[in-house]
Structure formats: C-alpha cells, structure tokens
mmCIF file of all heavy atoms, coordinates in Angstrom:
data_MODEL
# 
_entry.id   MODEL 
# 
loop_
_atom_site.group_PDB 
_atom_site.id 
_atom_site.type_symbol 
_atom_site.label_atom_id 
_atom_site.label_alt_id 
_atom_site.label_comp_id 
_atom_site.label_asym_id 
_atom_site.label_entity_id 
_atom_site.label_seq_id 
_atom_site.pdbx_PDB_ins_code 
_atom_site.Cartn_x 
_atom_site.Cartn_y 
_atom_site.Cartn_z 
_atom_site.occupancy 
_atom_site.B_iso_or_equiv 
_atom_site.pdbx_formal_charge 
_atom_site.auth_seq_id 
_atom_site.auth_comp_id 
_atom_site.auth_asym_id 
_atom_site.auth_atom_id 
_atom_site.pdbx_PDB_model_num 
ATOM 1   N N   . ILE A 1 1  ? -2.916 14.586  -10.439 1.00 0.00 ? 1  ILE A N   1 
ATOM 2   C CA  . ILE A 1 1  ? -3.308 14.691  -9.054  1.00 0.00 ? 1  ILE A CA  1 
ATOM 3   C C   . ILE A 1 1  ? -3.921 13.346  -8.599  1.00 0.00 ? 1  ILE A C   1 
ATOM 4   O O   . ILE A 1 1  ? -3.608 12.797  -7.546  1.00 0.00 ? 1  ILE A O   1 
ATOM 5   C CB  . ILE A 1 1  ? -4.265 15.811  -8.792  1.00 0.00 ? 1  ILE A CB  1 
ATOM 6   C CG1 . ILE A 1 1  ? -3.625 17.190  -9.037  1.00 0.00 ? 1  ILE A CG1 1 
ATOM 7   C CG2 . ILE A 1 1  ? -4.885 15.756  -7.406  1.00 0.00 ? 1  ILE A CG2 1 
ATOM 8   C CD1 . ILE A 1 1  ? -2.505 17.494  -8.057  1.00 0.00 ? 1  ILE A CD1 1 
ATOM 9   N N   . VAL A 1 2  ? -4.756 12.783  -9.462  1.00 0.00 ? 2  VAL A N   1 
ATOM 10  C CA  . VAL A 1 2  ? -5.399 11.463  -9.125  1.00 0.00 ? 2  VAL A CA  1 
ATOM 11  C C   . VAL A 1 2  ? -4.299 10.405  -9.021  1.00 0.00 ? 2  VAL A C   1 
ATOM 12  O O   . VAL A 1 2  ? -4.329 9.580   -8.113  1.00 0.00 ? 2  VAL A O   1 
ATOM 13  C CB  . VAL A 1 2  ? -6.439 11.125  -10.153 1.00 0.00 ? 2  VAL A CB  1 
ATOM 14  C CG1 . VAL A 1 2  ? -6.899 9.683   -9.987  1.00 0.00 ? 2  VAL A CG1 1 
ATOM 15  C CG2 . VAL A 1 2  ? -7.653 12.040  -10.046 1.00 0.00 ? 2  VAL A CG2 1 
ATOM 16  N N   . ALA A 1 3  ? -3.347 10.376  -9.954  1.00 0.00 ? 3  ALA A N   1 
ATOM 17  C CA  . ALA A 1 3  ? -2.287 9.398   -9.939  1.00 0.00 ? 3  ALA A CA  1 
ATOM 18  C C   . ALA A 1 3  ? -1.407 9.501   -8.688  1.00 0.00 ? 3  ALA A C   1 
ATOM 19  O O   . ALA A 1 3  ? -1.057 8.516   -8.069  1.00 0.00 ? 3  ALA A O   1 
ATOM 20  C CB  . ALA A 1 3  ? -1.452 9.539   -11.183 1.00 0.00 ? 3  ALA A CB  1 
ATOM 21  N N   . MET A 1 4  ? -1.127 10.757  -8.295  1.00 0.00 ? 4  MET A N   1 
ATOM 22  C CA  . MET A 1 4  ? -0.353 10.930  -7.097  1.00 0.00 ? 4  MET A CA  1 
ATOM 23  C C   . MET A 1 4  ? -1.160 10.472  -5.864  1.00 0.00 ? 4  MET A C   1 
ATOM 24  O O   . MET A 1 4  ? -0.564 9.921   -4.935  1.00 0.00 ? 4  MET A O   1 
ATOM 25  C CB  . MET A 1 4  ? 0.081  12.419  -6.904  1.00 0.00 ? 4  MET A CB  1 
ATOM 26  C CG  . MET A 1 4  ? 1.150  12.793  -7.915  1.00 0.00 ? 4  MET A CG  1 
ATOM 27  S SD  . MET A 1 4  ? 1.817  14.487  -7.779  1.00 0.00 ? 4  MET A SD  1 
ATOM 28  C CE  . MET A 1 4  ? 0.773  15.414  -6.736  1.00 0.00 ? 4  MET A CE  1 
ATOM 29  N N   . GLY A 1 5  ? -2.464 10.722  -5.830  1.00 0.00 ? 5  GLY A N   1 
ATOM 30  C CA  . GLY A 1 5  ? -3.284 10.240  -4.751  1.00 0.00 ? 5  GLY A CA  1 
ATOM 31  C C   . GLY A 1 5  ? -3.274 8.749   -4.690  1.00 0.00 ? 5  GLY A C   1 
ATOM 32  O O   . GLY A 1 5  ? -3.186 8.131   -3.598  1.00 0.00 ? 5  GLY A O   1 
ATOM 33  N N   . ILE A 1 6  ? -3.385 8.078   -5.801  1.00 0.00 ? 6  ILE A N   1 
ATOM 34  C CA  . ILE A 1 6  ? -3.353 6.589   -5.871  1.00 0.00 ? 6  ILE A CA  1 
ATOM 35  C C   . ILE A 1 6  ? -2.009 6.100   -5.379  1.00 0.00 ? 6  ILE A C   1 
ATOM 36  O O   . ILE A 1 6  ? -1.932 5.148   -4.586  1.00 0.00 ? 6  ILE A O   1 
ATOM 37  C CB  . ILE A 1 6  ? -3.688 6.067   -7.250  1.00 0.00 ? 6  ILE A CB  1 
ATOM 38  C CG1 . ILE A 1 6  ? -5.194 6.365   -7.570  1.00 0.00 ? 6  ILE A CG1 1 
ATOM 39  C CG2 . ILE A 1 6  ? -3.377 4.597   -7.370  1.00 0.00 ? 6  ILE A CG2 1 
ATOM 40  C CD1 . ILE A 1 6  ? -5.594 6.026   -9.001  1.00 0.00 ? 6  ILE A CD1 1 
ATOM 41  N N   . GLN A 1 7  ? -0.949 6.746   -5.820  1.00 0.00 ? 7  GLN A N   1 
ATOM 42  C CA  . GLN A 1 7  ? 0.389  6.368   -5.349  1.00 0.00 ? 7  GLN A CA  1 
ATOM 43  C C   . GLN A 1 7  ? 0.556  6.548   -3.865  1.00 0.00 ? 7  GLN A C   1 
ATOM 44  O O   . GLN A 1 7  ? 1.104  5.668   -3.191  1.00 0.00 ? 7  GLN A O   1 
ATOM 45  C CB  . GLN A 1 7  ? 1.430  7.170   -6.145  1.00 0.00 ? 7  GLN A CB  1 
ATOM 46  C CG  . GLN A 1 7  ? 2.849  6.706   -5.912  1.00 0.00 ? 7  GLN A CG  1 
ATOM 47  C CD  . GLN A 1 7  ? 3.858  7.462   -6.718  1.00 0.00 ? 7  GLN A CD  1 
ATOM 48  O OE1 . GLN A 1 7  ? 3.587  8.539   -7.230  1.00 0.00 ? 7  GLN A OE1 1 
ATOM 49  N NE2 . GLN A 1 7  ? 5.063  6.918   -6.824  1.00 0.00 ? 7  GLN A NE2 1 
ATOM 50  N N   . LEU A 1 8  ? 0.106  7.622   -3.344  1.00 0.00 ? 8  LEU A N   1 
ATOM 51  C CA  . LEU A 1 8  ? 0.116  7.858   -1.921  1.00 0.00 ? 8  LEU A CA  1 
ATOM 52  C C   . LEU A 1 8  ? -0.668 6.841   -1.149  1.00 0.00 ? 8  LEU A C   1 
ATOM 53  O O   . LEU A 1 8  ? -0.287 6.279   -0.084  1.00 0.00 ? 8  LEU A O   1 
ATOM 54  C CB  . LEU A 1 8  ? -0.347 9.299   -1.565  1.00 0.00 ? 8  LEU A CB  1 
ATOM 55  C CG  . LEU A 1 8  ? -0.234 9.726   -0.115  1.00 0.00 ? 8  LEU A CG  1 
ATOM 56  C CD1 . LEU A 1 8  ? 1.233  9.762   0.335   1.00 0.00 ? 8  LEU A CD1 1 
ATOM 57  C CD2 . LEU A 1 8  ? -0.828 11.080  0.060   1.00 0.00 ? 8  LEU A CD2 1 
ATOM 58  N N   . LEU A 1 9  ? -1.879 6.521   -1.661  1.00 0.00 ? 9  LEU A N   1 
ATOM 59  C CA  . LEU A 1 9  ? -2.739 5.538   -1.027  1.00 0.00 ? 9  LEU A CA  1 
ATOM 60  C C   . LEU A 1 9  ? -2.063 4.183   -1.051  1.00 0.00 ? 9  LEU A C   1 
ATOM 61  O O   . LEU A 1 9  ? -2.070 3.447   -0.038  1.00 0.00 ? 9  LEU A O   1 
ATOM 62  C CB  . LEU A 1 9  ? -4.111 5.454   -1.751  1.00 0.00 ? 9  LEU A CB  1 
ATOM 63  C CG  . LEU A 1 9  ? -5.074 4.478   -1.213  1.00 0.00 ? 9  LEU A CG  1 
ATOM 64  C CD1 . LEU A 1 9  ? -5.577 4.904   0.154   1.00 0.00 ? 9  LEU A CD1 1 
ATOM 65  C CD2 . LEU A 1 9  ? -6.264 4.391   -2.203  1.00 0.00 ? 9  LEU A CD2 1 
ATOM 66  N N   . THR A 1 10 ? -1.432 3.812   -2.137  1.00 0.00 ? 10 THR A N   1 
ATOM 67  C CA  . THR A 1 10 ? -0.710 2.562   -2.241  1.00 0.00 ? 10 THR A CA  1 
ATOM 68  C C   . THR A 1 10 ? 0.429  2.527   -1.185  1.00 0.00 ? 10 THR A C   1 
ATOM 69  O O   . THR A 1 10 ? 0.611  1.519   -0.533  1.00 0.00 ? 10 THR A O   1 
ATOM 70  C CB  . THR A 1 10 ? -0.123 2.361   -3.646  1.00 0.00 ? 10 THR A CB  1 
ATOM 71  O OG1 . THR A 1 10 ? -1.207 2.385   -4.593  1.00 0.00 ? 10 THR A OG1 1 
ATOM 72  C CG2 . THR A 1 10 ? 0.684  1.107   -3.766  1.00 0.00 ? 10 THR A CG2 1 
ATOM 73  N N   . LYS A 1 11 ? 1.214  3.616   -1.090  1.00 0.00 ? 11 LYS A N   1 
ATOM 74  C CA  . LYS A 1 11 ? 2.334  3.629   -0.189  1.00 0.00 ? 11 LYS A CA  1 
ATOM 75  C C   . LYS A 1 11 ? 1.889  3.582   1.273   1.00 0.00 ? 11 LYS A C   1 
ATOM 76  O O   . LYS A 1 11 ? 2.481  2.860   2.078   1.00 0.00 ? 11 LYS A O   1 
ATOM 77  C CB  . LYS A 1 11 ? 3.084  4.952   -0.453  1.00 0.00 ? 11 LYS A CB  1 
ATOM 78  C CG  . LYS A 1 11 ? 4.424  4.977   0.305   1.00 0.00 ? 11 LYS A CG  1 
ATOM 79  C CD  . LYS A 1 11 ? 5.380  4.146   -0.415  1.00 0.00 ? 11 LYS A CD  1 
ATOM 80  C CE  . LYS A 1 11 ? 6.779  4.320   0.138   1.00 0.00 ? 11 LYS A CE  1 
ATOM 81  N NZ  . LYS A 1 11 ? 7.702  3.298   -0.279  1.00 0.00 ? 11 LYS A NZ  1 
ATOM 82  N N   . LEU A 1 12 ? 0.806  4.251   1.645   1.00 0.00 ? 12 LEU A N   1 
ATOM 83  C CA  . LEU A 1 12 ? 0.377  4.328   2.999   1.00 0.00 ? 12 LEU A CA  1 
ATOM 84  C C   . LEU A 1 12 ? -0.527 3.173   3.437   1.00 0.00 ? 12 LEU A C   1 
ATOM 85  O O   . LEU A 1 12 ? -0.560 2.820   4.626   1.00 0.00 ? 12 LEU A O   1 
ATOM 86  C CB  . LEU A 1 12 ? -0.274 5.669   3.297   1.00 0.00 ? 12 LEU A CB  1 
ATOM 87  C CG  . LEU A 1 12 ? 0.582  6.921   3.113   1.00 0.00 ? 12 LEU A CG  1 
ATOM 88  C CD1 . LEU A 1 12 ? -0.257 8.129   3.384   1.00 0.00 ? 12 LEU A CD1 1 
ATOM 89  C CD2 . LEU A 1 12 ? 1.777  6.836   4.059   1.00 0.00 ? 12 LEU A CD2 1 
ATOM 90  N N   . LEU A 1 13 ? -1.283 2.613   2.562   1.00 0.00 ? 13 LEU A N   1 
ATOM 91  C CA  . LEU A 1 13 ? -2.263 1.600   2.959   1.00 0.00 ? 13 LEU A CA  1 
ATOM 92  C C   . LEU A 1 13 ? -1.994 0.264   2.347   1.00 0.00 ? 13 LEU A C   1 
ATOM 93  O O   . LEU A 1 13 ? -1.870 -0.739  3.062   1.00 0.00 ? 13 LEU A O   1 
ATOM 94  C CB  . LEU A 1 13 ? -3.652 2.091   2.473   1.00 0.00 ? 13 LEU A CB  1 
ATOM 95  C CG  . LEU A 1 13 ? -4.831 1.167   2.842   1.00 0.00 ? 13 LEU A CG  1 
ATOM 96  C CD1 . LEU A 1 13 ? -4.919 0.980   4.317   1.00 0.00 ? 13 LEU A CD1 1 
ATOM 97  C CD2 . LEU A 1 13 ? -6.071 1.662   2.228   1.00 0.00 ? 13 LEU A CD2 1 
ATOM 98  N N   . ILE A 1 14 ? -1.796 0.146   1.041   1.00 0.00 ? 14 ILE A N   1 
ATOM 99  C CA  . ILE A 1 14 ? -1.721 -1.129  0.408   1.00 0.00 ? 14 ILE A CA  1 
ATOM 100 C C   . ILE A 1 14 ? -0.386 -1.829  0.639   1.00 0.00 ? 14 ILE A C   1 
ATOM 101 O O   . ILE A 1 14 ? -0.386 -2.998  1.047   1.00 0.00 ? 14 ILE A O   1 
ATOM 102 C CB  . ILE A 1 14 ? -2.014 -1.008  -1.084  1.00 0.00 ? 14 ILE A CB  1 
ATOM 103 C CG1 . ILE A 1 14 ? -3.456 -0.512  -1.287  1.00 0.00 ? 14 ILE A CG1 1 
ATOM 104 C CG2 . ILE A 1 14 ? -1.808 -2.310  -1.806  1.00 0.00 ? 14 ILE A CG2 1 
ATOM 105 C CD1 . ILE A 1 14 ? -3.843 -0.182  -2.689  1.00 0.00 ? 14 ILE A CD1 1 
ATOM 106 N N   . GLU A 1 15 ? 0.730  -1.107  0.571   1.00 0.00 ? 15 GLU A N   1 
ATOM 107 C CA  . GLU A 1 15 ? 2.019  -1.706  0.868   1.00 0.00 ? 15 GLU A CA  1 
ATOM 108 C C   . GLU A 1 15 ? 2.108  -2.314  2.298   1.00 0.00 ? 15 GLU A C   1 
ATOM 109 O O   . GLU A 1 15 ? 2.595  -3.369  2.472   1.00 0.00 ? 15 GLU A O   1 
ATOM 110 C CB  . GLU A 1 15 ? 3.147  -0.730  0.617   1.00 0.00 ? 15 GLU A CB  1 
ATOM 111 C CG  . GLU A 1 15 ? 3.426  -0.576  -0.875  1.00 0.00 ? 15 GLU A CG  1 
ATOM 112 C CD  . GLU A 1 15 ? 4.591  0.337   -1.127  1.00 0.00 ? 15 GLU A CD  1 
ATOM 113 O OE1 . GLU A 1 15 ? 5.303  0.750   -0.160  1.00 0.00 ? 15 GLU A OE1 1 
ATOM 114 O OE2 . GLU A 1 15 ? 4.782  0.736   -2.298  1.00 0.00 ? 15 GLU A OE2 1 
ATOM 115 N N   . PRO A 1 16 ? 1.661  -1.561  3.333   1.00 0.00 ? 16 PRO A N   1 
ATOM 116 C CA  . PRO A 1 16 ? 1.658  -2.183  4.687   1.00 0.00 ? 16 PRO A CA  1 
ATOM 117 C C   . PRO A 1 16 ? 0.823  -3.430  4.795   1.00 0.00 ? 16 PRO A C   1 
ATOM 118 O O   . PRO A 1 16 ? 1.177  -4.420  5.453   1.00 0.00 ? 16 PRO A O   1 
ATOM 119 C CB  . PRO A 1 16 ? 1.155  -1.034  5.597   1.00 0.00 ? 16 PRO A CB  1 
ATOM 120 C CG  . PRO A 1 16 ? 1.449  0.180   4.873   1.00 0.00 ? 16 PRO A CG  1 
ATOM 121 C CD  . PRO A 1 16 ? 1.330  -0.155  3.423   1.00 0.00 ? 16 PRO A CD  1 
ATOM 122 N N   . ILE A 1 17 ? -0.284 -3.453  4.118   1.00 0.00 ? 17 ILE A N   1 
ATOM 123 C CA  . ILE A 1 17 ? -1.174 -4.611  4.182   1.00 0.00 ? 17 ILE A CA  1 
ATOM 124 C C   . ILE A 1 17 ? -0.543 -5.734  3.432   1.00 0.00 ? 17 ILE A C   1 
ATOM 125 O O   . ILE A 1 17 ? -0.513 -6.898  3.925   1.00 0.00 ? 17 ILE A O   1 
ATOM 126 C CB  . ILE A 1 17 ? -2.552 -4.301  3.533   1.00 0.00 ? 17 ILE A CB  1 
ATOM 127 C CG1 . ILE A 1 17 ? -3.363 -3.354  4.439   1.00 0.00 ? 17 ILE A CG1 1 
ATOM 128 C CG2 . ILE A 1 17 ? -3.360 -5.573  3.314   1.00 0.00 ? 17 ILE A CG2 1 
ATOM 129 C CD1 . ILE A 1 17 ? -4.629 -2.828  3.862   1.00 0.00 ? 17 ILE A CD1 1 
ATOM 130 N N   . VAL A 1 18 ? 0.122  -5.551  2.309   1.00 0.00 ? 18 VAL A N   1 
ATOM 131 C CA  . VAL A 1 18 ? 0.810  -6.621  1.579   1.00 0.00 ? 18 VAL A CA  1 
ATOM 132 C C   . VAL A 1 18 ? 1.984  -7.104  2.453   1.00 0.00 ? 18 VAL A C   1 
ATOM 133 O O   . VAL A 1 18 ? 2.200  -8.299  2.558   1.00 0.00 ? 18 VAL A O   1 
ATOM 134 C CB  . VAL A 1 18 ? 1.353  -6.050  0.236   1.00 0.00 ? 18 VAL A CB  1 
ATOM 135 C CG1 . VAL A 1 18 ? 2.318  -6.978  -0.380  1.00 0.00 ? 18 VAL A CG1 1 
ATOM 136 C CG2 . VAL A 1 18 ? 0.144  -5.808  -0.684  1.00 0.00 ? 18 VAL A CG2 1 
ATOM 137 N N   . GLN A 1 19 ? 2.733  -6.209  3.103   1.00 0.00 ? 19 GLN A N   1 
ATOM 138 C CA  . GLN A 1 19 ? 3.816  -6.637  4.011   1.00 0.00 ? 19 GLN A CA  1 
ATOM 139 C C   . GLN A 1 19 ? 3.302  -7.430  5.117   1.00 0.00 ? 19 GLN A C   1 
ATOM 140 O O   . GLN A 1 19 ? 3.853  -8.459  5.519   1.00 0.00 ? 19 GLN A O   1 
ATOM 141 C CB  . GLN A 1 19 ? 4.549  -5.350  4.506   1.00 0.00 ? 19 GLN A CB  1 
ATOM 142 C CG  . GLN A 1 19 ? 5.706  -5.626  5.472   1.00 0.00 ? 19 GLN A CG  1 
ATOM 143 C CD  . GLN A 1 19 ? 6.269  -4.376  6.105   1.00 0.00 ? 19 GLN A CD  1 
ATOM 144 O OE1 . GLN A 1 19 ? 5.717  -3.272  5.953   1.00 0.00 ? 19 GLN A OE1 1 
ATOM 145 N NE2 . GLN A 1 19 ? 7.360  -4.541  6.822   1.00 0.00 ? 19 GLN A NE2 1 
ATOM 146 N N   . PHE A 1 20 ? 2.194  -7.033  5.724   1.00 0.00 ? 20 PHE A N   1 
ATOM 147 C CA  . PHE A 1 20 ? 1.526  -7.769  6.765   1.00 0.00 ? 20 PHE A CA  1 
ATOM 148 C C   . PHE A 1 20 ? 1.222  -9.208  6.369   1.00 0.00 ? 20 PHE A C   1 
ATOM 149 O O   . PHE A 1 20 ? 1.517  -10.141 7.023   1.00 0.00 ? 20 PHE A O   1 
ATOM 150 C CB  . PHE A 1 20 ? 0.234  -6.991  7.187   1.00 0.00 ? 20 PHE A CB  1 
ATOM 151 C CG  . PHE A 1 20 ? -0.536 -7.590  8.347   1.00 0.00 ? 20 PHE A CG  1 
ATOM 152 C CD1 . PHE A 1 20 ? -0.253 -7.222  9.635   1.00 0.00 ? 20 PHE A CD1 1 
ATOM 153 C CD2 . PHE A 1 20 ? -1.552 -8.508  8.103   1.00 0.00 ? 20 PHE A CD2 1 
ATOM 154 C CE1 . PHE A 1 20 ? -0.980 -7.713  10.657  1.00 0.00 ? 20 PHE A CE1 1 
ATOM 155 C CE2 . PHE A 1 20 ? -2.306 -8.999  9.172   1.00 0.00 ? 20 PHE A CE2 1 
ATOM 156 C CZ  . PHE A 1 20 ? -1.994 -8.591  10.484  1.00 0.00 ? 20 PHE A CZ  1 
ATOM 157 N N   . ILE A 1 21 ? 0.582  -9.336  5.204   1.00 0.00 ? 21 ILE A N   1 
ATOM 158 C CA  . ILE A 1 21 ? 0.178  -10.658 4.673   1.00 0.00 ? 21 ILE A CA  1 
ATOM 159 C C   . ILE A 1 21 ? 1.407  -11.465 4.346   1.00 0.00 ? 21 ILE A C   1 
ATOM 160 O O   . ILE A 1 21 ? 1.440  -12.706 4.674   1.00 0.00 ? 21 ILE A O   1 
ATOM 161 C CB  . ILE A 1 21 ? -0.698 -10.476 3.409   1.00 0.00 ? 21 ILE A CB  1 
ATOM 162 C CG1 . ILE A 1 21 ? -2.058 -9.873  3.819   1.00 0.00 ? 21 ILE A CG1 1 
ATOM 163 C CG2 . ILE A 1 21 ? -0.943 -11.821 2.688   1.00 0.00 ? 21 ILE A CG2 1 
ATOM 164 C CD1 . ILE A 1 21 ? -2.924 -9.419  2.678   1.00 0.00 ? 21 ILE A CD1 1 
ATOM 165 N N   . GLU A 1 22 ? 2.471  -10.929 3.745   1.00 0.00 ? 22 GLU A N   1 
ATOM 166 C CA  . GLU A 1 22 ? 3.647  -11.659 3.420   1.00 0.00 ? 22 GLU A CA  1 
ATOM 167 C C   . GLU A 1 22 ? 4.311  -12.199 4.685   1.00 0.00 ? 22 GLU A C   1 
ATOM 168 O O   . GLU A 1 22 ? 4.819  -13.292 4.679   1.00 0.00 ? 22 GLU A O   1 
ATOM 169 C CB  . GLU A 1 22 ? 4.610  -10.822 2.581   1.00 0.00 ? 22 GLU A CB  1 
ATOM 170 C CG  . GLU A 1 22 ? 4.160  -10.613 1.168   1.00 0.00 ? 22 GLU A CG  1 
ATOM 171 C CD  . GLU A 1 22 ? 5.053  -9.635  0.409   1.00 0.00 ? 22 GLU A CD  1 
ATOM 172 O OE1 . GLU A 1 22 ? 5.919  -8.992  1.008   1.00 0.00 ? 22 GLU A OE1 1 
ATOM 173 O OE2 . GLU A 1 22 ? 4.860  -9.454  -0.840  1.00 0.00 ? 22 GLU A OE2 1 
ATOM 174 N N   . THR A 1 23 ? 4.368  -11.363 5.715   1.00 0.00 ? 23 THR A N   1 
ATOM 175 C CA  . THR A 1 23 ? 4.989  -11.812 6.966   1.00 0.00 ? 23 THR A CA  1 
ATOM 176 C C   . THR A 1 23 ? 4.260  -12.995 7.569   1.00 0.00 ? 23 THR A C   1 
ATOM 177 O O   . THR A 1 23 ? 4.834  -13.958 8.070   1.00 0.00 ? 23 THR A O   1 
ATOM 178 C CB  . THR A 1 23 ? 5.006  -10.668 7.995   1.00 0.00 ? 23 THR A CB  1 
ATOM 179 O OG1 . THR A 1 23 ? 5.658  -9.541  7.435   1.00 0.00 ? 23 THR A OG1 1 
ATOM 180 C CG2 . THR A 1 23 ? 5.700  -11.057 9.294   1.00 0.00 ? 23 THR A CG2 1 
ATOM 181 N N   . ILE A 1 24 ? 2.947  -12.951 7.442   1.00 0.00 ? 24 ILE A N   1 
ATOM 182 C CA  . ILE A 1 24 ? 2.140  -14.055 8.006   1.00 0.00 ? 24 ILE A CA  1 
ATOM 183 C C   . ILE A 1 24 ? 2.321  -15.330 7.206   1.00 0.00 ? 24 ILE A C   1 
ATOM 184 O O   . ILE A 1 24 ? 2.468  -16.402 7.772   1.00 0.00 ? 24 ILE A O   1 
ATOM 185 C CB  . ILE A 1 24 ? 0.626  -13.685 8.007   1.00 0.00 ? 24 ILE A CB  1 
ATOM 186 C CG1 . ILE A 1 24 ? 0.349  -12.575 9.040   1.00 0.00 ? 24 ILE A CG1 1 
ATOM 187 C CG2 . ILE A 1 24 ? -0.245 -14.894 8.341   1.00 0.00 ? 24 ILE A CG2 1 
ATOM 188 C CD1 . ILE A 1 24 ? -1.026 -11.971 8.971   1.00 0.00 ? 24 ILE A CD1 1 
ATOM 189 N N   . ASN A 1 25 ? 2.475  -15.171 5.925   1.00 0.00 ? 25 ASN A N   1 
ATOM 190 C CA  . ASN A 1 25 ? 2.592  -16.353 5.040   1.00 0.00 ? 25 ASN A CA  1 
ATOM 191 C C   . ASN A 1 25 ? 3.940  -16.982 5.016   1.00 0.00 ? 25 ASN A C   1 
ATOM 192 O O   . ASN A 1 25 ? 4.077  -18.115 4.558   1.00 0.00 ? 25 ASN A O   1 
ATOM 193 C CB  . ASN A 1 25 ? 2.165  -16.007 3.621   1.00 0.00 ? 25 ASN A CB  1 
ATOM 194 C CG  . ASN A 1 25 ? 0.694  -15.768 3.505   1.00 0.00 ? 25 ASN A CG  1 
ATOM 195 O OD1 . ASN A 1 25 ? -0.106 -16.365 4.273   1.00 0.00 ? 25 ASN A OD1 1 
ATOM 196 N ND2 . ASN A 1 25 ? 0.252  -14.921 2.558   1.00 0.00 ? 25 ASN A ND2 1 
# 
C-alpha cells in the first residue's frame, strides 16, 4: 500500500515537476 502510494505520488506530482524543469532547461 505504501509503495503504491509512493508510485501514485510520483506519477501525479514528481513527474510533472520533472517535466516542467526539463522543458525550461
């Protein structure tokens, strides 16, 4: 359950932030 939560958090929050930063750079 914790692993799925981390995976969901990564998909919804961290990946868009990484995409945002990569686009800027």
